[in-house]
C-alpha cells in the first residue's frame, strides 16, 4: 500500500468516526452502492453519510497542496446526479484554490468544508483502531464553580421559568450550558441561540464533543438574516449541515426519545424557528440564549429577531436561560470628550428587567476567576493621543489614496507606540508592558485587511523607522491551511 493510500484510508476512517459522533450513519461508497443497486465505480465519493433520511456525499482529500476545482470534478458531478438523491456534500480537505472555493458556493447544493486540522483527535483515534488499540473519549469534568453554576440554574428553574447566568469569557459557559441541558434528560428538546454562524459552529462542535448523552442536532441559519455583519456570518463558516427554511426543518426533524434533541440557531434565523413551530415543531423544554445581552438592545429593525426569543407568542419554550459576560454595556457620547462622566454614557444593553430576563441564577465574577487561577490577570491601558498631532505628522499619508481615516490612523499610531514601548503613565514614567504578541479585533473583514496593509506604512511615516512588529489578517473565510499557519505564527510571537 502506498503512503498516499495509507493517508487516505486513515482520513476516511477519521471522517467516519467524526460524522458518527455528529449523529450520522456512515457507509463506504462500496457499501452504499451495493445496498442501493448502483454500479461500484469511481464516483469521487468516499463515504455516504445519512441522517434523518437525508443523504450527504463525502469526499476526503489528505493533500498538502491546494485542491483545485478540476480535482473535485468527479465528486461534484456525482453529487449533482438525481439518481443518488444527495441533499448536499461534505468535503474534508485542507487548502482549496480560490476558484474551487468560489465555484463550490455557486452550485445548487450545499457543500460543507471540514478542515483536516479539525479532525486531529479523530485521526489519532483512527490510527489507534488500525493498530488494534482503543482510545477512550475524554470526559470533561466540571470545575467547582461550573458545578455550582449548573446546580444554581437547576435550582433557579424550580421556581422561575427564566433567569440569568453571568460568567466571564473563557470560563466555560458552553460546557455549563450543555450540562444544564443534559439535566432535562433524553427526549428533551433544546433551542441553543447565538449571534453569529462562527459561534454557532463552535457551539455545535463543543456540544457534540463533550456531551454525556447522545445528541440529535439540527442547525438553522438564514441567508436573509445575516445583516450588516455578513462577512463575519458567512455560511461557509459552518461545518455542519444546516437548513434555511421552516419547511425543510419540519421535514428533517425527528424527536429522538433516546437522545438530547437540540436545534442550534442564530438569533437572525429565529423567524425560521417561529414558522417551524407554527408548522408543528414542538415547544422547547429549554431555550439557551448565548451572548444574551444582544437581546436587550434598543429597538432597531436589524435587532428585531434578537427580541423574538423573549415571548412565547413568538417562540414557545418552557424555560429560558440568558447567558452573558456583560449584562450591561455602555458607550460614550461625544468622541471628543476626554473626561467620561455618567451623563455622557449611553446604555446600549441592559438585562436588569426581571420580567424579561428573570432573576440572576448564578454569577462568577472576573475578579473571582482571576483569584482562583482560572483566568490570567489583565491590565487595561487607556492611551491618550492627540489627533491634531497625528494629523499634522501624517498629513501626506491622510490625503493619499487608500489611506485610513484620522480615527483609524490615530489608533494605529497608538498601536505603534505600544509595540515600540513608548507608553507612559500620568507621571511620564514608561510602562513596563513586555508585550510578546497581540490581537486587533474589527467588526468587518475588509477593515481587518486594511489595517494589516496600512500599519507598516503608518508606522514608517510616523516613527521614521521600520516597525518591530508585523500585523497579519485572519478571518473565517480563509482555508484551514492558511488559518493554521497564521495561528502558529501568532503563537510563536
Protein backbone atom coordinates (compact mmCIF):
# COMPACT_ATOMS: atom_id res chain seq x y z
CA UNK A 1 0.00 0.00 0.00
CA UNK A 2 1.42 3.39 -0.96
CA UNK A 3 1.93 6.13 1.60
CA UNK A 4 -0.76 8.32 -0.02
CA UNK A 5 -3.25 5.43 0.04
CA UNK A 6 -2.49 4.81 3.72
CA UNK A 7 -3.08 8.50 4.49
CA UNK A 8 -6.31 8.44 2.50
CA UNK A 9 -7.65 5.38 4.31
CA UNK A 10 -6.72 6.86 7.68
CA UNK A 11 -8.54 10.11 6.87
CA UNK A 12 -11.62 8.21 5.66
CA UNK A 13 -11.79 6.29 8.94
CA UNK A 14 -11.24 9.50 10.94
CA UNK A 15 -14.01 11.22 8.95
CA UNK A 16 -16.34 8.27 9.59
CA UNK A 17 -15.68 8.50 13.35
CA UNK A 18 -16.22 12.28 13.28
CA UNK A 19 -19.51 12.08 11.39
CA UNK A 20 -20.77 9.26 13.63
CA UNK A 21 -20.12 11.49 16.63
CA UNK A 22 -22.23 14.13 14.86
CA UNK A 23 -25.15 11.71 14.64
CA UNK A 24 -24.74 10.39 11.09
CA UNK A 25 -24.89 6.79 9.92
CA UNK A 26 -21.87 6.41 7.64
CA UNK A 27 -21.30 3.95 4.79
CA UNK A 28 -18.37 3.43 2.47
CA UNK A 29 -19.26 4.15 -1.15
CA UNK A 30 -18.95 0.42 -1.90
CA UNK A 31 -21.43 -0.45 0.88
CA UNK A 32 -23.88 2.25 -0.20
CA UNK A 33 -23.69 1.35 -3.90
CA UNK A 34 -24.19 -2.39 -3.23
CA UNK A 35 -27.10 -1.72 -0.88
CA UNK A 36 -28.89 0.53 -3.39
CA UNK A 37 -28.10 -1.27 -6.65
CA UNK A 38 -25.62 1.26 -8.06
CA UNK A 39 -22.50 0.34 -10.01
CA UNK A 40 -19.38 0.24 -7.86
CA UNK A 41 -17.23 2.61 -9.88
CA UNK A 42 -15.16 5.73 -9.34
CA UNK A 43 -17.61 8.47 -8.43
CA UNK A 44 -15.22 10.62 -6.39
CA UNK A 45 -17.35 9.71 -3.36
CA UNK A 46 -15.50 8.04 -0.49
CA UNK A 47 -18.31 7.86 2.08
CA UNK A 48 -22.06 8.43 2.27
CA UNK A 49 -23.46 9.99 5.46
CA UNK A 50 -27.15 9.66 6.32
CA UNK A 51 -29.16 11.48 8.96
CA UNK A 52 -32.94 11.58 9.32
CA UNK A 53 -33.38 10.20 5.82
CA UNK A 54 -31.15 12.81 4.17
CA UNK A 55 -28.01 11.72 2.31
CA UNK A 56 -24.67 13.53 2.01
CA UNK A 57 -21.83 12.57 -0.33
CA UNK A 58 -18.42 12.73 1.37
CA UNK A 59 -15.01 13.15 -0.21
CA UNK A 60 -11.75 13.05 1.78
CA UNK A 61 -8.60 14.63 0.35
CA UNK A 62 -5.50 14.40 2.53
CA UNK A 63 -3.12 16.55 0.48
CA UNK A 64 -0.78 19.35 1.44
CA UNK A 65 -1.11 21.02 -1.96
CA UNK A 66 -4.11 23.12 -2.96
CA UNK A 67 -7.21 21.25 -4.13
CA UNK A 68 -8.33 22.65 -7.48
CA UNK A 69 -11.82 22.76 -8.97
CA UNK A 70 -10.61 20.18 -11.51
CA UNK A 71 -9.63 17.83 -8.66
CA UNK A 72 -13.25 17.95 -7.46
CA UNK A 73 -14.84 17.37 -10.87
CA UNK A 74 -15.87 13.72 -10.49
CA UNK A 75 -17.16 14.28 -6.95
CA UNK A 76 -19.23 17.34 -7.93
CA UNK A 77 -20.65 15.53 -10.96
CA UNK A 78 -21.74 12.57 -8.82
CA UNK A 79 -23.17 14.85 -6.15
CA UNK A 80 -25.46 16.51 -8.68
CA UNK A 81 -26.85 13.25 -10.16
CA UNK A 82 -30.58 12.91 -9.43
CA UNK A 83 -30.34 9.10 -9.11
CA UNK A 84 -28.27 9.40 -5.93
CA UNK A 85 -30.64 11.95 -4.34
CA UNK A 86 -27.98 13.67 -2.23
CA UNK A 87 -29.11 16.58 -0.04
CA UNK A 88 -25.58 18.00 -0.13
CA UNK A 89 -21.89 17.24 0.11
CA UNK A 90 -19.19 17.13 2.75
CA UNK A 91 -15.62 17.85 1.66
CA UNK A 92 -12.77 17.08 4.07
CA UNK A 93 -9.68 18.89 2.82
CA UNK A 94 -7.03 21.43 3.67
CA UNK A 95 -6.35 24.19 1.20
CA UNK A 96 -8.68 24.88 -1.74
CA UNK A 97 -7.84 27.16 -4.63
CA UNK A 98 -9.77 30.44 -4.79
CA UNK A 99 -11.56 29.17 -7.91
CA UNK A 100 -12.61 25.96 -6.13
CA UNK A 101 -13.95 27.87 -3.11
CA UNK A 102 -15.90 30.27 -5.34
CA UNK A 103 -17.44 27.56 -7.52
CA UNK A 104 -18.38 25.40 -4.53
CA UNK A 105 -20.53 28.27 -3.24
CA UNK A 106 -22.11 28.77 -6.67
CA UNK A 107 -23.51 25.27 -7.19
CA UNK A 108 -27.11 24.48 -6.26
CA UNK A 109 -26.35 22.02 -3.45
CA UNK A 110 -24.66 22.98 -0.20
CA UNK A 111 -21.16 21.62 0.31
CA UNK A 112 -19.73 21.76 3.82
CA UNK A 113 -15.94 22.03 4.00
CA UNK A 114 -14.28 20.50 7.05
CA UNK A 115 -10.56 21.24 7.52
CA UNK A 116 -8.39 18.16 8.05
CA UNK A 117 -6.86 20.01 11.01
CA UNK A 118 -10.27 19.85 12.75
CA UNK A 119 -10.05 16.05 12.75
CA UNK A 120 -6.75 15.68 14.62
CA UNK A 121 -8.37 13.89 17.58
CA UNK A 122 -10.18 11.55 15.17
CA UNK A 123 -7.01 10.85 13.18
CA UNK A 124 -5.39 9.70 16.43
CA UNK A 125 -8.42 7.52 17.23
CA UNK A 126 -8.38 6.09 13.70
CA UNK A 127 -4.67 5.28 13.92
CA UNK A 128 -5.24 3.54 17.24
CA UNK A 129 -8.09 1.45 15.79
CA UNK A 130 -5.94 0.38 12.83
CA UNK A 131 -3.29 -0.72 15.34
CA UNK A 132 -5.85 -2.63 17.42
CA UNK A 133 -5.94 -0.08 20.23
CA UNK A 134 -8.88 1.85 21.65
CA UNK A 135 -8.75 5.50 22.76
CA UNK A 136 -11.42 6.30 25.30
CA UNK A 137 -13.31 9.55 24.87
CA UNK A 138 -12.04 12.00 27.47
CA UNK A 139 -14.77 13.05 29.88
CA UNK A 140 -14.94 16.77 30.61
CA UNK A 141 -15.08 17.23 34.38
CA UNK A 142 -16.71 20.39 35.70
CA UNK A 143 -14.62 22.81 37.72
CA UNK A 144 -16.03 23.68 41.18
CA UNK A 145 -17.58 26.98 40.05
CA UNK A 146 -19.02 25.32 36.92
CA UNK A 147 -20.65 22.64 39.07
CA UNK A 148 -22.07 25.37 41.31
CA UNK A 149 -23.37 27.20 38.23
CA UNK A 150 -25.21 24.10 36.96
CA UNK A 151 -26.72 23.39 40.38
CA UNK A 152 -27.76 27.04 40.85
CA UNK A 153 -29.51 27.18 37.48
CA UNK A 154 -31.36 23.89 38.01
CA UNK A 155 -32.47 25.13 41.45
CA UNK A 156 -33.47 28.50 39.97
CA UNK A 157 -35.70 26.79 37.41
CA UNK A 158 -37.67 25.13 40.22
CA UNK A 159 -39.39 28.45 40.96
CA UNK A 160 -38.71 30.51 37.79
CA UNK A 161 -39.31 29.99 34.09
CA UNK A 162 -36.40 32.25 33.12
CA UNK A 163 -33.16 33.52 34.61
CA UNK A 164 -29.61 34.79 34.02
CA UNK A 165 -26.23 33.05 34.06
CA UNK A 166 -23.34 35.53 34.20
CA UNK A 167 -19.81 34.24 33.59
CA UNK A 168 -16.67 35.84 32.06
CA UNK A 169 -15.42 34.76 28.63
CA UNK A 170 -13.15 31.74 28.83
CA UNK A 171 -14.71 30.22 31.95
CA UNK A 172 -16.81 27.59 30.18
CA UNK A 173 -20.34 28.88 29.64
CA UNK A 174 -20.75 26.48 26.71
CA UNK A 175 -19.89 23.41 28.80
CA UNK A 176 -22.06 24.64 31.68
CA UNK A 177 -25.00 25.17 29.31
CA UNK A 178 -24.53 21.62 27.96
CA UNK A 179 -24.62 20.08 31.45
CA UNK A 180 -27.73 22.15 32.28
CA UNK A 181 -29.43 20.88 29.11
CA UNK A 182 -28.45 17.29 29.92
CA UNK A 183 -30.30 17.65 33.23
CA UNK A 184 -33.52 17.88 31.20
CA UNK A 185 -32.87 14.29 30.10
CA UNK A 186 -33.19 12.16 26.98
CA UNK A 187 -36.09 13.05 24.73
CA UNK A 188 -35.94 16.74 25.67
CA UNK A 189 -35.97 19.46 23.00
CA UNK A 190 -33.46 22.29 23.43
CA UNK A 191 -33.02 25.52 21.45
CA UNK A 192 -29.49 26.99 21.56
CA UNK A 193 -29.16 30.56 20.22
CA UNK A 194 -26.10 32.68 19.43
CA UNK A 195 -25.43 35.83 17.37
CA UNK A 196 -23.11 34.53 14.61
CA UNK A 197 -22.59 31.49 12.41
CA UNK A 198 -18.95 31.22 13.55
CA UNK A 199 -20.09 30.98 17.18
CA UNK A 200 -22.85 28.57 16.18
CA UNK A 201 -20.27 26.27 14.59
CA UNK A 202 -18.05 26.37 17.69
CA UNK A 203 -21.02 25.58 19.95
CA UNK A 204 -22.20 22.61 17.85
CA UNK A 205 -18.69 21.13 17.85
CA UNK A 206 -18.28 21.64 21.61
CA UNK A 207 -21.64 20.08 22.48
CA UNK A 208 -21.14 17.05 20.22
CA UNK A 209 -17.61 16.57 21.55
CA UNK A 210 -18.37 16.94 25.27
CA UNK A 211 -21.88 15.52 25.61
CA UNK A 212 -22.58 12.65 28.01
CA UNK A 213 -25.95 12.00 26.34
CA UNK A 214 -26.13 11.31 22.57
CA UNK A 215 -27.26 14.44 20.73
CA UNK A 216 -29.69 14.66 17.83
CA UNK A 217 -28.58 18.01 16.40
CA UNK A 218 -30.04 20.40 13.83
CA UNK A 219 -28.62 23.71 12.61
CA UNK A 220 -30.72 26.62 11.39
CA UNK A 221 -29.32 29.62 9.55
CA UNK A 222 -30.93 32.23 7.35
CA UNK A 223 -29.27 33.90 4.37
CA UNK A 224 -31.60 36.87 4.60
CA UNK A 225 -30.95 37.25 8.33
CA UNK A 226 -27.23 37.71 8.13
CA UNK A 227 -27.49 41.51 8.16
CA UNK A 228 -24.71 44.06 8.39
CA UNK A 229 -22.04 41.62 9.59
CA UNK A 230 -22.42 39.40 6.54
CA UNK A 231 -18.71 38.84 6.13
CA UNK A 232 -18.46 37.51 9.68
CA UNK A 233 -21.59 35.38 9.30
CA UNK A 234 -20.83 33.60 6.02
CA UNK A 235 -22.41 30.14 5.83
CA UNK A 236 -19.03 28.83 4.72
CA UNK A 237 -18.00 29.09 8.39
CA UNK A 238 -20.44 26.32 9.33
CA UNK A 239 -19.10 22.76 9.22
CA UNK A 240 -22.46 21.13 9.97
CA UNK A 241 -25.42 20.61 7.59
CA UNK A 242 -27.89 23.44 8.04
CA UNK A 243 -31.39 24.31 6.95
CA UNK A 244 -32.60 27.75 5.93
CA UNK A 245 -36.35 27.15 5.82
CA UNK A 246 -39.07 26.13 8.25
CA UNK A 247 -40.44 23.54 5.82
CA UNK A 248 -37.02 21.89 5.49
CA UNK A 249 -36.63 21.81 9.26
CA UNK A 250 -40.04 20.21 9.79
CA UNK A 251 -39.37 17.58 7.11
CA UNK A 252 -35.97 16.68 8.61
CA UNK A 253 -36.90 16.90 12.31
CA UNK A 254 -37.33 13.73 14.36
CA UNK A 255 -37.78 13.86 18.14
CA UNK A 256 -35.50 11.07 19.34
CA UNK A 257 -36.59 9.70 22.74
CA UNK A 258 -33.13 8.22 23.36
CA UNK A 259 -31.17 11.41 22.66
CA UNK A 260 -30.98 15.06 23.63
CA UNK A 261 -32.65 16.86 20.72
CA UNK A 262 -31.01 20.22 20.04
CA UNK A 263 -31.74 22.90 17.46
CA UNK A 264 -28.80 25.30 17.10
CA UNK A 265 -29.77 28.63 15.54
CA UNK A 266 -28.60 32.19 15.14
CA UNK A 267 -30.86 34.92 16.52
CA UNK A 268 -31.09 36.26 12.97
CA UNK A 269 -32.78 32.98 11.96
CA UNK A 270 -35.44 32.91 14.67
CA UNK A 271 -38.18 33.69 12.17
CA UNK A 272 -37.45 30.25 10.65
CA UNK A 273 -37.84 28.61 14.07
CA UNK A 274 -41.01 30.61 14.73
CA UNK A 275 -42.55 29.46 11.45
CA UNK A 276 -41.47 25.86 12.12
CA UNK A 277 -43.39 25.89 15.40
CA UNK A 278 -46.46 27.14 13.54
CA UNK A 279 -45.99 24.16 11.19
CA UNK A 280 -45.79 21.70 14.09
CA UNK A 281 -42.35 21.85 15.73
CA UNK A 282 -42.95 21.09 19.46
CA UNK A 283 -42.49 23.51 22.34
CA UNK A 284 -38.91 23.69 23.61
CA UNK A 285 -38.16 22.32 27.07
CA UNK A 286 -35.28 24.80 27.38
CA UNK A 287 -34.14 27.83 25.39
CA UNK A 288 -30.49 28.82 25.89
CA UNK A 289 -29.53 32.35 24.83
CA UNK A 290 -25.78 32.86 24.42
CA UNK A 291 -24.42 36.43 24.33
CA UNK A 292 -27.86 37.28 25.72
CA UNK A 293 -27.12 41.00 26.17
CA UNK A 294 -27.66 41.22 22.41
CA UNK A 295 -31.37 40.55 23.06
CA UNK A 296 -31.60 43.64 25.31
CA UNK A 297 -30.60 46.30 22.78
CA UNK A 298 -32.51 49.37 21.76
CA UNK A 299 -35.21 48.89 19.11
CA UNK A 300 -33.81 48.82 15.59
CA UNK A 301 -35.03 46.92 12.55
CA UNK A 302 -31.92 44.74 12.45
CA UNK A 303 -32.35 43.89 16.15
CA UNK A 304 -35.97 42.70 15.86
CA UNK A 305 -35.10 38.99 15.54
CA UNK A 306 -32.93 39.17 18.65
CA UNK A 307 -36.03 40.02 20.68
CA UNK A 308 -38.29 37.29 19.27
CA UNK A 309 -36.91 34.90 21.88
CA UNK A 310 -38.46 36.68 24.87
CA UNK A 311 -42.11 35.81 24.31
CA UNK A 312 -43.97 32.52 23.99
CA UNK A 313 -46.15 34.28 21.44
CA UNK A 314 -43.15 34.08 19.09
CA UNK A 315 -41.02 31.15 20.28
CA UNK A 316 -42.72 28.64 22.58
CA UNK A 317 -40.49 27.38 25.40
CA UNK A 318 -40.98 26.18 28.98
CA UNK A 319 -37.70 27.54 30.38
CA UNK A 320 -35.29 30.28 29.23
CA UNK A 321 -31.69 30.85 30.33
CA UNK A 322 -29.95 34.09 29.36
CA UNK A 323 -26.15 33.68 29.35
CA UNK A 324 -23.70 36.58 29.14
CA UNK A 325 -20.48 38.04 30.48
CA UNK A 326 -21.83 41.59 30.21
CA UNK A 327 -25.41 42.13 31.44
CA UNK A 328 -24.90 45.88 30.95
CA UNK A 329 -22.96 47.50 28.12
CA UNK A 330 -22.27 51.24 27.82
CA UNK A 331 -20.89 53.56 25.16
CA UNK A 332 -19.68 57.14 25.41
CA UNK A 333 -21.42 60.11 23.84
CA UNK A 334 -19.18 62.64 22.18
CA UNK A 335 -15.97 61.14 20.85
CA UNK A 336 -14.02 64.30 21.60
CA UNK A 337 -14.87 64.26 25.33
CA UNK A 338 -11.75 63.37 27.26
CA UNK A 339 -13.47 63.05 30.61
CA UNK A 340 -16.02 60.26 30.85
CA UNK A 341 -18.86 61.32 33.10
CA UNK A 342 -22.05 59.45 33.90
CA UNK A 343 -24.26 61.82 31.93
CA UNK A 344 -22.14 61.14 28.82
CA UNK A 345 -22.87 57.42 28.92
CA UNK A 346 -25.38 55.75 26.65
CA UNK A 347 -26.81 52.46 27.88
CA UNK A 348 -26.57 50.08 24.91
CA UNK A 349 -27.62 46.80 26.58
CA UNK A 350 -29.27 46.28 29.97
CA UNK A 351 -30.58 42.94 31.25
CA UNK A 352 -31.88 44.19 34.60
CA UNK A 353 -35.58 43.79 33.68
CA UNK A 354 -36.58 40.61 35.54
CA UNK A 355 -39.90 40.34 33.71
CA UNK A 356 -37.93 39.69 30.53
CA UNK A 357 -34.71 38.08 31.76
CA UNK A 358 -35.70 36.68 35.15
CA UNK A 359 -33.57 36.77 38.30
CA UNK A 360 -29.83 36.15 38.45
CA UNK A 361 -29.36 32.41 38.99
CA UNK A 362 -25.57 32.50 39.18
CA UNK A 363 -22.71 34.96 38.70
CA UNK A 364 -19.00 34.25 38.54
CA UNK A 365 -17.01 37.48 38.52
CA UNK A 366 -13.81 38.32 36.64
CA UNK A 367 -12.14 39.04 39.98
CA UNK A 368 -13.02 35.64 41.43
CA UNK A 369 -11.97 33.83 38.24
CA UNK A 370 -8.57 35.55 38.40
CA UNK A 371 -8.17 34.94 42.14
CA UNK A 372 -8.95 31.25 41.70
CA UNK A 373 -6.47 30.94 38.83
CA UNK A 374 -8.93 30.19 36.03
CA UNK A 375 -8.29 33.44 34.13
CA UNK A 376 -5.00 35.24 33.60
CA UNK A 377 -4.68 38.58 35.30
CA UNK A 378 -5.06 41.50 32.95
CA UNK A 379 -4.40 45.19 32.80
CA UNK A 380 -6.45 47.82 30.99
CA UNK A 381 -4.25 50.51 29.47
CA UNK A 382 -6.13 53.55 28.14
CA UNK A 383 -3.86 55.57 25.86
CA UNK A 384 -4.33 59.28 25.26
CA UNK A 385 -3.35 60.50 21.80
CA UNK A 386 -3.75 63.93 20.25
CA UNK A 387 -5.41 63.61 16.85
CA UNK A 388 -4.18 67.05 15.88
CA UNK A 389 -0.58 65.89 16.28
CA UNK A 390 -1.27 62.75 14.24
CA UNK A 391 -2.97 64.84 11.56
CA UNK A 392 -0.01 67.21 11.38
CA UNK A 393 2.64 64.46 11.31
CA UNK A 394 0.78 62.24 8.83
CA UNK A 395 -0.86 64.86 6.63
CA UNK A 396 0.64 63.46 3.41
CA UNK A 397 -0.46 59.95 4.32
CA UNK A 398 -4.01 61.01 5.22
CA UNK A 399 -4.60 62.70 1.86
CA UNK A 400 -3.09 59.82 -0.13
CA UNK A 401 -5.14 57.21 -1.97
CA UNK A 402 -6.18 54.19 0.09
CA UNK A 403 -5.32 55.75 3.45
CA UNK A 404 -7.30 55.10 6.62
CA UNK A 405 -9.35 57.92 8.16
CA UNK A 406 -7.96 60.03 11.00
CA UNK A 407 -9.67 57.95 13.73
CA UNK A 408 -8.30 54.62 12.49
CA UNK A 409 -4.90 56.15 11.77
CA UNK A 410 -4.67 57.52 15.32
CA UNK A 411 -5.48 54.08 16.72
CA UNK A 412 -2.66 52.54 14.68
CA UNK A 413 -0.24 55.22 15.87
CA UNK A 414 -1.26 54.12 19.38
CA UNK A 415 -0.55 50.52 18.43
CA UNK A 416 2.81 51.64 17.10
CA UNK A 417 3.66 53.33 20.41
CA UNK A 418 2.62 50.16 22.23
CA UNK A 419 4.89 47.82 20.24
CA UNK A 420 7.70 50.39 20.35
CA UNK A 421 7.46 50.65 24.13
CA UNK A 422 6.56 54.34 24.14
CA UNK A 423 3.67 54.20 26.62
CA UNK A 424 3.90 56.36 29.73
CA UNK A 425 1.85 56.85 32.89
CA UNK A 426 0.48 60.18 34.11
CA UNK A 427 3.84 60.95 35.75
CA UNK A 428 5.73 60.48 32.50
CA UNK A 429 7.32 57.18 33.52
CA UNK A 430 7.41 54.37 30.93
CA UNK A 431 5.11 51.39 31.49
CA UNK A 432 6.83 48.00 31.50
CA UNK A 433 4.28 46.05 29.44
CA UNK A 434 6.52 43.31 27.94
CA UNK A 435 4.21 42.61 25.02
CA UNK A 436 5.07 39.49 23.00
CA UNK A 437 2.08 39.30 20.68
CA UNK A 438 -1.43 40.68 20.37
CA UNK A 439 -4.76 40.62 18.57
CA UNK A 440 -6.66 43.50 16.99
CA UNK A 441 -10.40 42.87 16.62
CA UNK A 442 -12.52 44.59 13.98
CA UNK A 443 -16.18 44.31 13.06
CA UNK A 444 -15.51 43.89 9.34
CA UNK A 445 -13.21 41.60 7.41
CA UNK A 446 -12.41 44.41 4.96
CA UNK A 447 -11.29 46.70 7.80
CA UNK A 448 -9.05 43.98 9.23
CA UNK A 449 -7.35 43.53 5.85
CA UNK A 450 -6.86 47.28 5.51
CA UNK A 451 -5.28 47.58 8.97
CA UNK A 452 -2.82 44.78 8.16
CA UNK A 453 -1.87 46.56 4.92
CA UNK A 454 -1.65 50.10 6.30
CA UNK A 455 0.08 49.56 9.67
CA UNK A 456 3.64 49.28 8.25
CA UNK A 457 3.09 52.40 6.13
CA UNK A 458 1.71 54.47 9.03
CA UNK A 459 4.47 53.28 11.39
CA UNK A 460 7.22 54.08 8.89
CA UNK A 461 5.91 57.59 8.20
CA UNK A 462 5.20 58.48 11.83
CA UNK A 463 8.22 56.96 13.59
CA UNK A 464 10.66 57.15 10.63
CA UNK A 465 11.75 53.55 11.14
CA UNK A 466 10.72 50.00 10.28
CA UNK A 467 8.08 48.56 12.66
CA UNK A 468 9.39 45.99 15.18
CA UNK A 469 6.15 44.02 14.83
CA UNK A 470 4.28 42.52 11.91
CA UNK A 471 0.49 42.63 11.50
CA UNK A 472 -1.32 39.87 9.62
CA UNK A 473 -5.01 39.41 8.82
CA UNK A 474 -7.06 36.29 9.55
CA UNK A 475 -10.75 35.55 9.03
CA UNK A 476 -13.11 32.59 8.96
CA UNK A 477 -13.36 32.54 5.17
CA UNK A 478 -9.69 31.57 4.82
CA UNK A 479 -8.78 27.95 4.16
CA UNK A 480 -7.89 25.77 7.14
CA UNK A 481 -4.29 25.65 5.90
CA UNK A 482 -3.98 29.45 5.87
CA UNK A 483 -5.67 29.88 9.26
CA UNK A 484 -3.49 27.21 10.83
CA UNK A 485 -0.31 28.88 9.58
CA UNK A 486 -1.42 32.32 10.83
CA UNK A 487 -2.27 30.98 14.29
CA UNK A 488 1.08 29.14 14.51
CA UNK A 489 2.80 32.40 13.54
CA UNK A 490 0.93 34.27 16.30
CA UNK A 491 1.76 31.61 18.91
CA UNK A 492 5.44 31.83 18.01
CA UNK A 493 5.35 35.53 18.94
